[in-house]
Protein backbone atom coordinates (compact mmCIF):
# COMPACT_ATOMS: atom_id res chain seq x y z
CA MET A 1 75.88 40.24 -89.12
CA LEU A 2 74.28 41.54 -92.30
CA SER A 3 72.12 38.43 -92.59
CA MET A 4 70.85 38.97 -89.04
CA GLN A 5 69.85 42.56 -89.88
CA ARG A 6 68.04 41.36 -93.00
CA TYR A 7 66.20 38.79 -90.82
CA TRP A 8 64.94 41.48 -88.42
CA VAL A 9 63.96 43.85 -91.26
CA ARG A 10 62.02 41.08 -93.07
CA SER A 11 60.46 39.98 -89.78
CA ALA A 12 59.39 43.55 -88.99
CA ARG A 13 57.70 43.82 -92.39
CA ARG A 14 56.04 40.40 -92.06
CA TRP A 15 54.76 40.57 -88.46
CA GLY A 16 54.83 44.25 -87.67
CA VAL A 17 57.02 45.99 -85.13
CA ARG A 18 54.76 45.20 -82.12
CA ASP A 19 54.71 41.43 -82.80
CA LEU A 20 58.44 41.49 -83.42
CA LYS A 21 59.05 43.10 -80.00
CA ILE A 22 56.94 40.43 -78.30
CA ARG A 23 58.81 37.67 -80.14
CA GLY A 24 62.14 39.22 -79.20
CA LEU A 25 61.06 39.45 -75.56
CA LEU A 26 60.06 35.79 -75.53
CA ILE A 27 63.40 34.78 -77.03
CA ALA A 28 65.25 36.87 -74.43
CA LEU A 29 63.23 35.32 -71.56
CA PHE A 30 63.92 31.84 -72.87
CA THR A 31 67.64 32.57 -73.16
CA VAL A 32 67.81 33.98 -69.60
CA GLY A 33 65.89 30.98 -68.27
CA MET A 34 68.28 28.55 -69.93
CA ALA A 35 71.29 30.47 -68.57
CA LEU A 36 69.87 30.38 -65.04
CA ALA A 37 69.14 26.66 -65.30
CA ALA A 38 72.71 26.02 -66.45
CA CYS A 39 74.09 27.99 -63.50
CA GLY A 40 72.06 26.11 -60.92
CA GLY A 41 69.40 28.73 -60.19
CA GLU A 42 68.98 32.48 -59.76
CA ASP A 43 71.42 32.82 -56.87
CA GLY A 44 74.01 30.53 -58.46
CA ALA A 45 73.51 27.89 -55.75
CA GLU A 46 73.93 24.29 -56.73
CA PRO A 47 70.68 22.32 -56.92
CA PRO A 48 70.15 19.95 -54.00
CA VAL A 49 71.65 16.52 -54.48
CA THR A 50 69.25 13.65 -53.95
CA SER A 51 70.28 10.05 -53.71
CA THR A 52 68.84 7.82 -56.42
CA SER A 53 70.52 4.61 -55.35
CA ALA A 54 68.46 1.77 -53.94
CA PRO A 55 68.73 1.10 -50.21
CA THR A 56 71.32 -1.47 -49.25
CA LEU A 57 69.62 -4.70 -48.26
CA GLN A 58 71.28 -7.40 -46.22
CA PRO A 59 70.99 -10.99 -47.49
CA THR A 60 68.25 -12.81 -45.65
CA LEU A 61 66.35 -16.03 -45.72
CA ASP A 62 63.28 -14.26 -44.35
CA LEU A 63 61.08 -14.47 -47.43
CA ASP A 64 58.69 -11.83 -46.08
CA GLN A 65 61.40 -9.15 -46.22
CA ILE A 66 61.67 -8.79 -50.01
CA PRO A 67 60.30 -5.34 -50.89
CA VAL A 68 57.14 -5.16 -52.95
CA LEU A 69 57.19 -2.52 -55.67
CA GLY A 70 54.22 -0.47 -56.78
CA ASP A 71 51.12 0.77 -55.03
CA ASN A 72 49.33 -2.56 -54.88
CA PRO A 73 51.01 -5.13 -52.67
CA ALA A 74 51.47 -8.54 -54.21
CA PRO A 75 49.06 -11.23 -53.10
CA PRO A 76 50.46 -13.87 -50.77
CA VAL A 77 52.95 -16.23 -52.29
CA PRO A 78 50.94 -19.16 -53.68
CA LEU A 79 53.59 -21.78 -52.88
CA ALA A 80 54.77 -22.92 -49.49
CA ALA A 81 58.50 -23.29 -48.89
CA THR A 82 57.81 -27.02 -48.58
CA ASP A 83 56.02 -27.27 -51.96
CA ALA A 84 56.85 -30.52 -53.76
CA ARG A 85 58.10 -28.53 -56.80
CA PHE A 86 61.10 -27.34 -54.72
CA PRO A 87 63.88 -27.92 -55.54
CA ILE A 88 63.26 -27.09 -59.19
CA GLU A 89 65.08 -29.35 -61.62
CA PRO A 90 66.92 -27.73 -64.57
CA ALA A 91 64.74 -27.58 -67.67
CA SER A 92 65.04 -30.28 -70.30
CA GLY A 93 62.77 -31.60 -73.04
CA SER A 94 59.32 -30.00 -73.05
CA ALA A 95 60.11 -27.99 -69.91
CA LEU A 96 62.92 -26.30 -71.85
CA ASN A 97 60.45 -25.46 -74.61
CA THR A 98 58.20 -23.83 -72.01
CA GLY A 99 60.77 -21.93 -69.92
CA LYS A 100 62.94 -20.56 -72.72
CA PRO A 101 60.23 -18.54 -74.55
CA LEU A 102 58.84 -17.27 -71.24
CA TYR A 103 62.30 -16.13 -70.16
CA GLU A 104 62.90 -14.47 -73.52
CA ARG A 105 59.57 -12.65 -73.35
CA PHE A 106 59.60 -11.47 -69.73
CA CYS A 107 63.23 -11.48 -68.58
CA ALA A 108 65.74 -11.24 -71.44
CA SER A 109 65.24 -7.53 -72.15
CA CYS A 110 66.83 -6.74 -68.77
CA HIS A 111 68.82 -9.85 -67.79
CA GLY A 112 70.13 -10.71 -71.26
CA VAL A 113 69.13 -13.43 -73.73
CA ASP A 114 71.75 -15.78 -72.27
CA GLY A 115 71.40 -14.56 -68.67
CA GLU A 116 74.47 -12.33 -68.95
CA GLY A 117 72.78 -9.40 -67.22
CA ASP A 118 72.50 -5.75 -68.18
CA GLN A 119 75.63 -5.03 -70.25
CA PRO A 120 78.19 -3.55 -70.26
CA ASP A 121 78.25 -3.70 -66.43
CA PRO A 122 75.55 -5.92 -64.91
CA TYR A 123 76.75 -5.00 -61.40
CA ALA A 124 76.43 -1.23 -61.87
CA PRO A 125 73.83 0.50 -59.68
CA GLY A 126 70.40 0.00 -61.18
CA ALA A 127 71.52 -2.67 -63.64
CA ALA A 128 69.81 -6.04 -63.94
CA PRO A 129 72.17 -8.73 -62.59
CA PRO A 130 73.16 -11.84 -64.54
CA HIS A 131 71.42 -15.17 -63.98
CA ASP A 132 74.07 -17.31 -65.66
CA ALA A 133 77.01 -18.97 -63.90
CA THR A 134 78.72 -15.57 -63.42
CA GLY A 135 75.77 -14.22 -61.44
CA HIS A 136 74.44 -14.71 -57.94
CA THR A 137 71.06 -16.31 -58.63
CA TRP A 138 72.45 -19.74 -57.82
CA HIS A 139 73.36 -18.43 -54.35
CA HIS A 140 69.64 -18.25 -53.49
CA ALA A 141 67.17 -21.03 -52.77
CA ASP A 142 64.34 -21.66 -55.23
CA GLN A 143 61.89 -20.29 -52.70
CA GLN A 144 63.78 -16.97 -52.64
CA ASN A 145 64.11 -16.80 -56.43
CA PHE A 146 60.42 -17.60 -56.86
CA LEU A 147 59.47 -14.86 -54.41
CA THR A 148 61.70 -12.33 -56.16
CA VAL A 149 59.94 -12.95 -59.47
CA TRP A 150 56.50 -13.01 -57.81
CA GLN A 151 56.84 -9.84 -55.73
CA GLY A 152 59.65 -7.92 -57.42
CA SER A 153 62.76 -6.49 -55.81
CA SER A 154 64.72 -3.28 -55.49
CA ALA A 155 67.87 -4.99 -54.21
CA ALA A 156 69.64 -4.51 -57.55
CA GLY A 157 67.87 -2.08 -59.83
CA VAL A 158 64.09 -2.03 -59.90
CA MET A 159 62.44 -5.29 -60.84
CA PRO A 160 58.64 -5.31 -60.88
CA GLY A 161 56.63 -8.18 -59.50
CA TYR A 162 55.19 -10.57 -62.07
CA TYR A 163 52.31 -11.93 -59.98
CA GLU A 164 49.78 -10.42 -62.41
CA ARG A 165 51.58 -11.62 -65.55
CA LEU A 166 52.93 -15.08 -64.77
CA THR A 167 51.37 -18.10 -63.12
CA PRO A 168 53.32 -20.01 -60.45
CA ASP A 169 53.99 -22.79 -62.99
CA GLU A 170 55.33 -20.28 -65.52
CA ILE A 171 57.69 -18.79 -62.91
CA ILE A 172 58.93 -22.30 -62.09
CA ALA A 173 59.48 -22.96 -65.82
CA ILE A 174 61.57 -19.76 -66.09
CA LEU A 175 63.64 -20.69 -63.03
CA ALA A 176 64.16 -24.19 -64.44
CA TYR A 177 65.42 -22.65 -67.69
CA ILE A 178 67.81 -20.31 -65.84
CA LYS A 179 69.34 -23.33 -64.10
CA THR A 180 70.53 -24.71 -67.45
CA TRP A 181 73.28 -22.03 -67.44
CA TRP A 182 74.84 -23.04 -64.13
CA GLN A 183 77.87 -25.24 -63.50
CA PRO A 184 77.20 -28.65 -61.86
CA ASP A 185 78.73 -27.57 -58.52
CA GLN A 186 76.67 -24.34 -58.52
CA LEU A 187 73.50 -26.30 -59.24
CA GLU A 188 74.24 -28.81 -56.47
CA HIS A 189 74.91 -26.01 -53.97
CA GLN A 190 71.66 -24.26 -54.90
CA MET A 191 69.59 -27.46 -54.78
CA GLU A 192 70.98 -28.30 -51.34
CA LEU A 193 70.16 -24.79 -50.10
CA THR A 194 66.61 -25.18 -51.44
CA ARG A 195 66.21 -28.55 -49.66
CA SER A 196 67.40 -27.07 -46.37
CA ILE A 197 64.86 -24.22 -46.62
CA ALA A 198 62.11 -26.76 -47.35
CA GLU A 199 63.13 -28.82 -44.31
CA GLN A 200 62.94 -25.73 -42.09
CA GLY A 201 59.37 -25.38 -43.37
C-alpha cells in the first residue's frame, strides 16, 4: 500500500495534479469498460450467439453445386468431365517430382505433409480433412476433386479456390500425387467412379 501512495505522490509531482486526475479517470473508465465486457454488457445480458459452423452440404455429383468462395466467382472449369486426363493415374517418375512440390507448397500447410489432415482432429469443424487413405478424397471422382481445388469449398472448413494460382495441369499433378497415399482397393474404387462420371458426360 505504501508503494502505491509513493507512486501517486511522485506522479503528482511529475505531471501535476490536473494531469494525474485525467490519467486516473482514464484508468477508471478502462477498468469499468473491461468489467462490463466481461459481464456481457451493461445490463448483464449475454451477448447474442451466432453460428460459425459451415452449412451442412449433402454429397452430390452435381459439379455446379460446389460453393465458390470470395467475391469473384471462379471462371468456368477448364476441363470437361469427359477430358482424356480423367481418370488421373497415381503419380510416378517425373509426375511425382511435379506433384509433390506443388502439394507441399499449396496444400500441406492445411492438409498435412503426408495428407494426414489438420491435426490433432482433421474431422473437427473447420479443420482441413485428410487426403491419405484415412480420408474421404478417394470417395470422390477426379472431376469432383479437380473442381474442389479449382473453385474452393466450404464443405469442411474454408478452402479457397486455386484457379488464379494453379493451372489445370498443376491441379492434376497434385491430385496424382495425393493418389500415391491410397490403398489399391481405394484407388480402384475411385478410378471406377471417375470413369462412370466421364461416361455420363
